[in-house]
Amino acid sequence: MWKLRSIFTFTHPVLRAHFHIDAHCLAMCVWLFATYSLYCLVIQIEKTEISGMKKIILILLMGVGVWNLPAAAQKKLTEATLSYDIVINTDNAAPKAADMLDGATSVIYLKGNSSRSEMISSLGTTATIVDGKSGNVTILKDYGQQKYMITLNPDNWKQSNRKYEGVTFTYENEYKTIAGYNCQKAIGKLTDGSTFTVYFTRDLIPVNREFQYLNKNLPGLAMQYEATQGKTKVTYTISNINFGLVPAAKFDLPRSGYRVMTYEESISGGGGN
């Protein structure tokens, strides 16, 4: 009974967050307990009259289950809707265009290897749709009368995110709870030497890594992170995770109403950048 209560205590999400127990630590605790239990069962099986071959098969089956426990403690994020609140800090008392993004939201729809990321503000909406099959990316910019559809192939997408190539992370022994998940602090370092702070959870492992290029090398989902645009620091904090089904229509592209441009045309100044 004590062992069962102990396991329940450390698997309860609130208590796990209080004691800074993430999925990896929990998995190791459960694995150690299960390994010890398997050892005890093997001793008991050896004392039974079960035939030698059946004993071997039974022990192997139990062993496979024990070795898979660490992976089972983590949830693969294959389909979900992630909502992030956005805070802008320009370190400037005079209002600027960037300040109009303060209080905006970012909503990300994940379905397999496809994703749709929407930035919604008082200025308008920008949606980035990643096709998980082809790797092609479409950016939809809707700012009142100005509507652009920018098409990118995988090479274009990589080029547009070249700033974030080679990001490395240093993990710190600092934790906080965000949206009910225990999150560990990490410091990201770009190849230009600049750094940013991110809090991530190991409990959720995104299958699709392209929707947050900045954080694609993290061993879990970024729950709060910083991004810099010029002298403007943008902080994203997750406010809600919905594990419900995401409609396939979210990834459909509009057939009319947008000026279609290539990536090359957009960076030449014609894409509303």
C-alpha atoms as a PDB file:
ATOM      1  CA  MET A   1       0.000   0.000   0.000  1.00  0.00           C
ATOM      2  CA  TRP A   2       2.827   2.436   0.819  1.00  0.00           C
ATOM      3  CA  LYS A   3       4.444   1.776  -2.550  1.00  0.00           C
ATOM      4  CA  LEU A   4       1.175   2.423  -4.404  1.00  0.00           C
ATOM      5  CA  ARG A   5       0.579   5.658  -2.492  1.00  0.00           C
ATOM      6  CA  SER A   6       4.169   6.761  -3.213  1.00  0.00           C
ATOM      7  CA  ILE A   7       3.741   6.224  -6.940  1.00  0.00           C
ATOM      8  CA  PHE A   8       0.406   8.097  -6.918  1.00  0.00           C
ATOM      9  CA  THR A   9       2.004  10.999  -5.060  1.00  0.00           C
ATOM     10  CA  PHE A  10       4.760  11.473  -7.608  1.00  0.00           C
ATOM     11  CA  THR A  11       2.527  10.991 -10.649  1.00  0.00           C
ATOM     12  CA  HIS A  12      -0.006  13.590  -9.477  1.00  0.00           C
ATOM     13  CA  PRO A  13       0.632  16.667 -11.720  1.00  0.00           C
ATOM     14  CA  VAL A  14       0.234  19.281  -8.952  1.00  0.00           C
ATOM     15  CA  LEU A  15       2.627  17.522  -6.573  1.00  0.00           C
ATOM     16  CA  ARG A  16       5.056  16.832  -9.405  1.00  0.00           C
ATOM     17  CA  ALA A  17       5.193  20.536 -10.208  1.00  0.00           C
ATOM     18  CA  HIS A  18       5.671  21.430  -6.531  1.00  0.00           C
ATOM     19  CA  PHE A  19       8.625  19.058  -6.168  1.00  0.00           C
ATOM     20  CA  HIS A  20      10.052  19.942  -9.637  1.00  0.00           C
ATOM     21  CA  ILE A  21       9.546  16.420 -10.949  1.00  0.00           C
ATOM     22  CA  ASP A  22       9.451  16.395 -14.761  1.00  0.00           C
ATOM     23  CA  ALA A  23       8.508  13.494 -17.019  1.00  0.00           C
ATOM     24  CA  HIS A  24      12.090  12.265 -17.358  1.00  0.00           C
ATOM     25  CA  CYS A  25      12.645  12.141 -13.594  1.00  0.00           C
ATOM     26  CA  LEU A  26       9.250  10.529 -13.054  1.00  0.00           C
ATOM     27  CA  ALA A  27       9.994   7.931 -15.729  1.00  0.00           C
ATOM     28  CA  MET A  28      13.259   6.984 -14.070  1.00  0.00           C
ATOM     29  CA  CYS A  29      11.578   6.628 -10.648  1.00  0.00           C
ATOM     30  CA  VAL A  30       8.839   4.444 -12.101  1.00  0.00           C
ATOM     31  CA  TRP A  31      11.412   2.464 -14.099  1.00  0.00           C
ATOM     32  CA  LEU A  32      13.501   1.743 -10.991  1.00  0.00           C
ATOM     33  CA  PHE A  33      10.430   0.641  -9.069  1.00  0.00           C
ATOM     34  CA  ALA A  34       9.265  -1.518 -11.994  1.00  0.00           C
ATOM     35  CA  THR A  35      12.733  -3.061 -12.366  1.00  0.00           C
ATOM     36  CA  TYR A  36      12.760  -4.017  -8.696  1.00  0.00           C
ATOM     37  CA  SER A  37       9.225  -5.422  -9.028  1.00  0.00           C
ATOM     38  CA  LEU A  38      10.290  -7.403 -12.103  1.00  0.00           C
ATOM     39  CA  TYR A  39      13.231  -8.830 -10.160  1.00  0.00           C
ATOM     40  CA  CYS A  40      10.852  -9.967  -7.406  1.00  0.00           C
ATOM     41  CA  LEU A  41       8.495 -11.511  -9.973  1.00  0.00           C
ATOM     42  CA  VAL A  42      11.347 -13.368 -11.655  1.00  0.00           C
ATOM     43  CA  ILE A  43      12.294 -14.880  -8.284  1.00  0.00           C
ATOM     44  CA  GLN A  44       8.685 -15.981  -7.786  1.00  0.00           C
ATOM     45  CA  ILE A  45       8.445 -17.418 -11.310  1.00  0.00           C
ATOM     46  CA  GLU A  46      11.615 -19.436 -10.752  1.00  0.00           C
ATOM     47  CA  LYS A  47       9.905 -21.072  -7.778  1.00  0.00           C
ATOM     48  CA  THR A  48       6.861 -22.146  -9.826  1.00  0.00           C
ATOM     49  CA  GLU A  49       6.396 -25.271 -11.896  1.00  0.00           C
ATOM     50  CA  ILE A  50       6.074 -23.421 -15.210  1.00  0.00           C
ATOM     51  CA  SER A  51       8.156 -25.023 -17.977  1.00  0.00           C
ATOM     52  CA  GLY A  52      11.543 -23.517 -18.846  1.00  0.00           C
ATOM     53  CA  MET A  53      10.521 -22.034 -22.233  1.00  0.00           C
ATOM     54  CA  LYS A  54       7.347 -20.484 -20.829  1.00  0.00           C
ATOM     55  CA  LYS A  55       9.385 -18.946 -18.028  1.00  0.00           C
ATOM     56  CA  ILE A  56      11.748 -17.342 -20.532  1.00  0.00           C
ATOM     57  CA  ILE A  57       8.895 -15.962 -22.679  1.00  0.00           C
ATOM     58  CA  LEU A  58       7.080 -14.586 -19.630  1.00  0.00           C
ATOM     59  CA  ILE A  59      10.221 -12.898 -18.287  1.00  0.00           C
ATOM     60  CA  LEU A  60      11.027 -11.396 -21.720  1.00  0.00           C
ATOM     61  CA  LEU A  61       7.511  -9.959 -22.090  1.00  0.00           C
ATOM     62  CA  MET A  62       7.682  -8.335 -18.673  1.00  0.00           C
ATOM     63  CA  GLY A  63      11.156  -7.003 -19.435  1.00  0.00           C
ATOM     64  CA  VAL A  64      10.004  -5.323 -22.655  1.00  0.00           C
ATOM     65  CA  GLY A  65       7.219  -3.599 -20.732  1.00  0.00           C
ATOM     66  CA  VAL A  66       9.630  -2.300 -18.105  1.00  0.00           C
ATOM     67  CA  TRP A  67      12.129  -0.959 -20.654  1.00  0.00           C
ATOM     68  CA  ASN A  68       9.341   0.950 -22.454  1.00  0.00           C
ATOM     69  CA  LEU A  69       8.133   2.711 -19.303  1.00  0.00           C
ATOM     70  CA  PRO A  70      10.329   5.844 -19.631  1.00  0.00           C
ATOM     71  CA  ALA A  71       8.956   6.588 -23.090  1.00  0.00           C
ATOM     72  CA  ALA A  72       5.394   5.983 -21.929  1.00  0.00           C
ATOM     73  CA  ALA A  73       5.684   8.684 -19.250  1.00  0.00           C
ATOM     74  CA  GLN A  74       6.059  11.333 -21.962  1.00  0.00           C
ATOM     75  CA  LYS A  75       3.258  12.375 -24.285  1.00  0.00           C
ATOM     76  CA  LYS A  76       3.976  12.755 -27.977  1.00  0.00           C
ATOM     77  CA  LEU A  77       2.267  15.909 -29.156  1.00  0.00           C
ATOM     78  CA  THR A  78       0.750  14.906 -32.483  1.00  0.00           C
ATOM     79  CA  GLU A  79      -2.508  16.885 -32.480  1.00  0.00           C
ATOM     80  CA  ALA A  80      -3.305  19.931 -30.387  1.00  0.00           C
ATOM     81  CA  THR A  81      -4.088  23.639 -30.328  1.00  0.00           C
ATOM     82  CA  LEU A  82      -1.543  25.776 -28.454  1.00  0.00           C
ATOM     83  CA  SER A  83      -2.422  29.307 -27.346  1.00  0.00           C
ATOM     84  CA  TYR A  84       0.348  31.767 -26.417  1.00  0.00           C
ATOM     85  CA  ASP A  85      -0.035  35.226 -24.888  1.00  0.00           C
ATOM     86  CA  ILE A  86       2.401  37.819 -26.234  1.00  0.00           C
ATOM     87  CA  VAL A  87       4.100  40.651 -24.361  1.00  0.00           C
ATOM     88  CA  ILE A  88       6.174  43.274 -26.212  1.00  0.00           C
ATOM     89  CA  ASN A  89       9.003  45.183 -24.539  1.00  0.00           C
ATOM     90  CA  THR A  90      10.653  47.924 -26.604  1.00  0.00           C
ATOM     91  CA  ASP A  91      12.354  49.653 -23.634  1.00  0.00           C
ATOM     92  CA  ASN A  92      11.085  52.919 -25.053  1.00  0.00           C
ATOM     93  CA  ALA A  93       8.600  55.300 -23.431  1.00  0.00           C
ATOM     94  CA  ALA A  94       7.410  56.588 -26.806  1.00  0.00           C
ATOM     95  CA  PRO A  95       4.759  54.353 -28.424  1.00  0.00           C
ATOM     96  CA  LYS A  96       5.886  52.619 -31.592  1.00  0.00           C
ATOM     97  CA  ALA A  97       4.304  50.274 -34.108  1.00  0.00           C
ATOM     98  CA  ALA A  98       5.732  47.269 -32.245  1.00  0.00           C
ATOM     99  CA  ASP A  99       3.839  48.307 -29.109  1.00  0.00           C
ATOM    100  CA  MET A 100       0.586  47.720 -30.981  1.00  0.00           C
ATOM    101  CA  LEU A 101       1.432  44.016 -30.896  1.00  0.00           C
ATOM    102  CA  ASP A 102       1.450  44.032 -27.091  1.00  0.00           C
ATOM    103  CA  GLY A 103      -1.435  41.887 -25.903  1.00  0.00           C
ATOM    104  CA  ALA A 104      -1.539  39.930 -29.161  1.00  0.00           C
ATOM    105  CA  THR A 105      -1.943  36.162 -29.197  1.00  0.00           C
ATOM    106  CA  SER A 106      -0.347  33.323 -31.103  1.00  0.00           C
ATOM    107  CA  VAL A 107      -2.413  30.228 -31.816  1.00  0.00           C
ATOM    108  CA  ILE A 108      -0.732  27.113 -33.201  1.00  0.00           C
ATOM    109  CA  TYR A 109      -2.653  24.191 -34.681  1.00  0.00           C
ATOM    110  CA  LEU A 110      -0.741  20.895 -34.845  1.00  0.00           C
ATOM    111  CA  LYS A 111      -1.847  17.858 -36.804  1.00  0.00           C
ATOM    112  CA  GLY A 112       0.808  15.245 -37.462  1.00  0.00           C
ATOM    113  CA  ASN A 113       3.690  16.920 -39.271  1.00  0.00           C
ATOM    114  CA  SER A 114       1.542  19.831 -40.435  1.00  0.00           C
ATOM    115  CA  SER A 115       1.039  23.073 -38.538  1.00  0.00           C
ATOM    116  CA  ARG A 116      -0.690  26.428 -38.760  1.00  0.00           C
ATOM    117  CA  SER A 117       0.671  29.287 -36.643  1.00  0.00           C
ATOM    118  CA  GLU A 118      -1.421  32.442 -36.346  1.00  0.00           C
ATOM    119  CA  MET A 119      -0.277  35.791 -34.965  1.00  0.00           C
ATOM    120  CA  ILE A 120      -3.401  37.787 -34.126  1.00  0.00           C
ATOM    121  CA  SER A 121      -3.161  41.476 -33.175  1.00  0.00           C
ATOM    122  CA  SER A 122      -4.957  44.784 -33.615  1.00  0.00           C
ATOM    123  CA  LEU A 123      -2.920  45.274 -36.808  1.00  0.00           C
ATOM    124  CA  GLY A 124      -4.185  42.103 -38.460  1.00  0.00           C
ATOM    125  CA  THR A 125      -3.386  38.406 -38.749  1.00  0.00           C
ATOM    126  CA  THR A 126      -0.392  36.511 -40.081  1.00  0.00           C
ATOM    127  CA  ALA A 127      -0.765  32.761 -40.574  1.00  0.00           C
ATOM    128  CA  THR A 128       2.123  30.409 -41.362  1.00  0.00           C
ATOM    129  CA  ILE A 129       1.066  27.029 -42.720  1.00  0.00           C
ATOM    130  CA  VAL A 130       3.605  24.194 -42.924  1.00  0.00           C
ATOM    131  CA  ASP A 131       2.707  21.267 -45.179  1.00  0.00           C
ATOM    132  CA  GLY A 132       4.021  18.193 -43.379  1.00  0.00           C
ATOM    133  CA  LYS A 133       4.128  16.097 -46.572  1.00  0.00           C
ATOM    134  CA  SER A 134       5.943  18.412 -48.983  1.00  0.00           C
ATOM    135  CA  GLY A 135       7.737  20.660 -46.506  1.00  0.00           C
ATOM    136  CA  ASN A 136       6.395  23.700 -48.363  1.00  0.00           C
ATOM    137  CA  VAL A 137       5.319  26.717 -46.335  1.00  0.00           C
ATOM    138  CA  THR A 138       2.644  29.315 -47.046  1.00  0.00           C
ATOM    139  CA  ILE A 139       2.432  32.649 -45.235  1.00  0.00           C
ATOM    140  CA  LEU A 140      -0.898  34.491 -45.286  1.00  0.00           C
ATOM    141  CA  LYS A 141      -0.833  38.174 -44.330  1.00  0.00           C
ATOM    142  CA  ASP A 142      -4.204  39.779 -43.754  1.00  0.00           C
ATOM    143  CA  TYR A 143      -3.988  43.460 -42.810  1.00  0.00           C
ATOM    144  CA  GLY A 144      -7.266  45.048 -43.813  1.00  0.00           C
ATOM    145  CA  GLN A 145      -7.190  45.710 -47.543  1.00  0.00           C
ATOM    146  CA  GLN A 146      -3.697  44.265 -47.877  1.00  0.00           C
ATOM    147  CA  LYS A 147      -3.736  40.511 -48.304  1.00  0.00           C
ATOM    148  CA  TYR A 148      -0.668  38.544 -49.360  1.00  0.00           C
ATOM    149  CA  MET A 149       0.005  34.857 -49.894  1.00  0.00           C
ATOM    150  CA  ILE A 150       3.735  34.119 -49.837  1.00  0.00           C
ATOM    151  CA  THR A 151       4.896  30.685 -50.971  1.00  0.00           C
ATOM    152  CA  LEU A 152       8.129  29.093 -49.731  1.00  0.00           C
ATOM    153  CA  ASN A 153       9.786  25.811 -50.599  1.00  0.00           C
ATOM    154  CA  PRO A 154      11.815  23.941 -47.924  1.00  0.00           C
ATOM    155  CA  ASP A 155      15.016  25.757 -48.925  1.00  0.00           C
ATOM    156  CA  ASN A 156      13.272  29.153 -48.698  1.00  0.00           C
ATOM    157  CA  TRP A 157      11.933  28.246 -45.246  1.00  0.00           C
ATOM    158  CA  LYS A 158      15.382  27.274 -44.038  1.00  0.00           C
ATOM    159  CA  GLN A 159      16.854  30.474 -45.463  1.00  0.00           C
ATOM    160  CA  SER A 160      14.212  32.637 -43.781  1.00  0.00           C
ATOM    161  CA  ASN A 161      15.151  31.020 -40.447  1.00  0.00           C
ATOM    162  CA  ARG A 162      18.932  30.925 -40.968  1.00  0.00           C
ATOM    163  CA  LYS A 163      19.302  33.182 -37.911  1.00  0.00           C
ATOM    164  CA  TYR A 164      18.166  30.249 -35.751  1.00  0.00           C
ATOM    165  CA  GLU A 165      20.320  27.550 -37.333  1.00  0.00           C
ATOM    166  CA  GLY A 166      22.792  26.021 -34.900  1.00  0.00           C
ATOM    167  CA  VAL A 167      21.039  27.179 -31.711  1.00  0.00           C
ATOM    168  CA  THR A 168      22.442  25.442 -28.620  1.00  0.00           C
ATOM    169  CA  PHE A 169      20.823  25.153 -25.203  1.00  0.00           C
ATOM    170  CA  THR A 170      22.206  25.133 -21.676  1.00  0.00           C
ATOM    171  CA  TYR A 171      19.830  23.614 -19.117  1.00  0.00           C
ATOM    172  CA  GLU A 172      19.607  25.138 -15.653  1.00  0.00           C
ATOM    173  CA  ASN A 173      18.333  23.748 -12.372  1.00  0.00           C
ATOM    174  CA  GLU A 174      15.495  26.254 -12.202  1.00  0.00           C
ATOM    175  CA  TYR A 175      11.821  25.412 -12.606  1.00  0.00           C
ATOM    176  CA  LYS A 176       8.389  27.001 -12.620  1.00  0.00           C
ATOM    177  CA  THR A 177       4.841  25.900 -13.330  1.00  0.00           C
ATOM    178  CA  ILE A 178       3.171  27.105 -16.525  1.00  0.00           C
ATOM    179  CA  ALA A 179      -0.357  26.023 -17.481  1.00  0.00           C
ATOM    180  CA  GLY A 180      -0.085  23.181 -14.960  1.00  0.00           C
ATOM    181  CA  TYR A 181       3.163  21.775 -16.364  1.00  0.00           C
ATOM    182  CA  ASN A 182       6.516  21.675 -14.604  1.00  0.00           C
ATOM    183  CA  CYS A 183       8.922  23.638 -16.790  1.00  0.00           C
ATOM    184  CA  GLN A 184      12.711  23.770 -16.745  1.00  0.00           C
ATOM    185  CA  LYS A 185      14.718  26.866 -17.612  1.00  0.00           C
ATOM    186  CA  ALA A 186      17.127  26.802 -20.530  1.00  0.00           C
ATOM    187  CA  ILE A 187      19.351  29.440 -22.089  1.00  0.00           C
ATOM    188  CA  GLY A 188      19.494  29.382 -25.856  1.00  0.00           C
ATOM    189  CA  LYS A 189      22.518  30.722 -27.686  1.00  0.00           C
ATOM    190  CA  LEU A 190      22.512  31.769 -31.337  1.00  0.00           C
ATOM    191  CA  THR A 191      25.547  31.583 -33.583  1.00  0.00           C
ATOM    192  CA  ASP A 192      25.886  35.380 -33.414  1.00  0.00           C
ATOM    193  CA  GLY A 193      26.431  35.095 -29.647  1.00  0.00           C
ATOM    194  CA  SER A 194      23.058  36.494 -28.558  1.00  0.00           C
ATOM    195  CA  THR A 195      21.063  34.573 -25.954  1.00  0.00           C
ATOM    196  CA  PHE A 196      17.430  34.078 -24.961  1.00  0.00           C
ATOM    197  CA  THR A 197      15.556  32.391 -22.122  1.00  0.00           C
ATOM    198  CA  VAL A 198      13.055  29.585 -22.531  1.00  0.00           C
ATOM    199  CA  TYR A 199      11.055  27.426 -20.123  1.00  0.00           C
ATOM    200  CA  PHE A 200      10.052  24.039 -21.530  1.00  0.00           C
ATOM    201  CA  THR A 201       8.368  20.877 -20.351  1.00  0.00           C
ATOM    202  CA  ARG A 202       9.633  17.376 -21.030  1.00  0.00           C
ATOM    203  CA  ASP A 203       6.100  16.066 -20.521  1.00  0.00           C
ATOM    204  CA  LEU A 204       5.079  17.024 -24.074  1.00  0.00           C
ATOM    205  CA  ILE A 205       7.258  16.074 -27.049  1.00  0.00           C
ATOM    206  CA  PRO A 206       6.175  17.711 -30.345  1.00  0.00           C
ATOM    207  CA  VAL A 207       6.303  15.398 -33.352  1.00  0.00           C
ATOM    208  CA  ASN A 208       6.434  18.434 -35.634  1.00  0.00           C
ATOM    209  CA  ARG A 209       9.473  20.633 -34.916  1.00  0.00           C
ATOM    210  CA  GLU A 210       9.077  23.167 -37.732  1.00  0.00           C
ATOM    211  CA  PHE A 211       6.383  25.344 -36.154  1.00  0.00           C
ATOM    212  CA  GLN A 212       8.910  26.907 -33.727  1.00  0.00           C
ATOM    213  CA  TYR A 213      12.204  26.989 -35.570  1.00  0.00           C
ATOM    214  CA  LEU A 214      13.856  28.787 -32.672  1.00  0.00           C
ATOM    215  CA  ASN A 215      13.048  25.964 -30.240  1.00  0.00           C
ATOM    216  CA  LYS A 216      13.176  22.938 -32.544  1.00  0.00           C
ATOM    217  CA  ASN A 217      16.215  21.457 -30.748  1.00  0.00           C
ATOM    218  CA  LEU A 218      14.589  21.477 -27.296  1.00  0.00           C
ATOM    219  CA  PRO A 219      13.801  18.057 -25.736  1.00  0.00           C
ATOM    220  CA  GLY A 220      10.214  19.135 -25.119  1.00  0.00           C
ATOM    221  CA  LEU A 221       7.595  21.828 -25.719  1.00  0.00           C
ATOM    222  CA  ALA A 222       8.519  25.481 -25.157  1.00  0.00           C
ATOM    223  CA  MET A 223       5.988  26.895 -22.688  1.00  0.00           C
ATOM    224  CA  GLN A 224       7.536  30.360 -22.396  1.00  0.00           C
ATOM    225  CA  TYR A 225      10.268  31.854 -24.533  1.00  0.00           C
ATOM    226  CA  GLU A 226      11.804  35.070 -25.754  1.00  0.00           C
ATOM    227  CA  ALA A 227      12.301  36.178 -29.339  1.00  0.00           C
ATOM    228  CA  THR A 228      14.037  39.342 -30.490  1.00  0.00           C
ATOM    229  CA  GLN A 229      12.997  41.410 -33.478  1.00  0.00           C
ATOM    230  CA  GLY A 230      15.503  44.226 -33.864  1.00  0.00           C
ATOM    231  CA  LYS A 231      15.545  45.996 -30.504  1.00  0.00           C
ATOM    232  CA  THR A 232      12.156  44.614 -29.601  1.00  0.00           C
ATOM    233  CA  LYS A 233      11.909  41.693 -27.176  1.00  0.00           C
ATOM    234  CA  VAL A 234       8.823  39.512 -27.566  1.00  0.00           C
ATOM    235  CA  THR A 235       7.822  37.080 -24.795  1.00  0.00           C
ATOM    236  CA  TYR A 236       5.486  34.186 -25.593  1.00  0.00           C
ATOM    237  CA  THR A 237       3.755  32.385 -22.707  1.00  0.00           C
ATOM    238  CA  ILE A 238       1.439  29.461 -23.246  1.00  0.00           C
ATOM    239  CA  SER A 239      -2.002  29.996 -21.753  1.00  0.00           C
ATOM    240  CA  ASN A 240      -3.894  26.938 -22.936  1.00  0.00           C
ATOM    241  CA  ILE A 241      -3.362  23.547 -24.557  1.00  0.00           C
ATOM    242  CA  ASN A 242      -6.333  21.856 -26.212  1.00  0.00           C
ATOM    243  CA  PHE A 243      -5.772  18.214 -27.151  1.00  0.00           C
ATOM    244  CA  GLY A 244      -8.982  18.039 -29.209  1.00  0.00           C
ATOM    245  CA  LEU A 245      -9.045  17.138 -32.900  1.00  0.00           C
ATOM    246  CA  VAL A 246      -7.858  19.859 -35.268  1.00  0.00           C
ATOM    247  CA  PRO A 247     -10.008  20.189 -38.435  1.00  0.00           C
ATOM    248  CA  ALA A 248      -8.118  19.385 -41.628  1.00  0.00           C
ATOM    249  CA  ALA A 249      -9.656  22.527 -43.147  1.00  0.00           C
ATOM    250  CA  LYS A 250      -7.287  24.606 -40.972  1.00  0.00           C
ATOM    251  CA  PHE A 251      -4.524  23.726 -43.427  1.00  0.00           C
ATOM    252  CA  ASP A 252      -6.441  24.524 -46.607  1.00  0.00           C
ATOM    253  CA  LEU A 253      -5.149  27.453 -48.646  1.00  0.00           C
ATOM    254  CA  PRO A 254      -7.471  30.205 -49.946  1.00  0.00           C
ATOM    255  CA  ARG A 255      -8.116  30.106 -53.686  1.00  0.00           C
ATOM    256  CA  SER A 256      -8.779  33.811 -54.119  1.00  0.00           C
ATOM    257  CA  GLY A 257      -8.609  37.188 -52.414  1.00  0.00           C
ATOM    258  CA  TYR A 258      -4.830  37.221 -51.886  1.00  0.00           C
ATOM    259  CA  ARG A 259      -1.957  38.562 -53.942  1.00  0.00           C
ATOM    260  CA  VAL A 260       0.284  35.544 -54.481  1.00  0.00           C
ATOM    261  CA  MET A 261       4.028  36.130 -54.217  1.00  0.00           C
ATOM    262  CA  THR A 262       7.153  34.034 -54.131  1.00  0.00           C
ATOM    263  CA  TYR A 263       9.595  34.216 -51.235  1.00  0.00           C
ATOM    264  CA  GLU A 264      12.081  36.071 -53.429  1.00  0.00           C
ATOM    265  CA  GLU A 265       9.475  38.698 -54.325  1.00  0.00           C
ATOM    266  CA  SER A 266       8.516  39.174 -50.685  1.00  0.00           C
ATOM    267  CA  ILE A 267      12.061  39.880 -49.487  1.00  0.00           C
ATOM    268  CA  SER A 268      12.570  42.383 -52.290  1.00  0.00           C
ATOM    269  CA  GLY A 269      10.078  44.643 -50.522  1.00  0.00           C
ATOM    270  CA  GLY A 270       6.768  43.731 -52.071  1.00  0.00           C
ATOM    271  CA  GLY A 271       5.375  41.456 -49.378  1.00  0.00           C
ATOM    272  CA  GLY A 272       4.372  43.901 -46.730  1.00  0.00           C
ATOM    273  CA  ASN A 273       7.428  43.085 -44.598  1.00  0.00           C
END
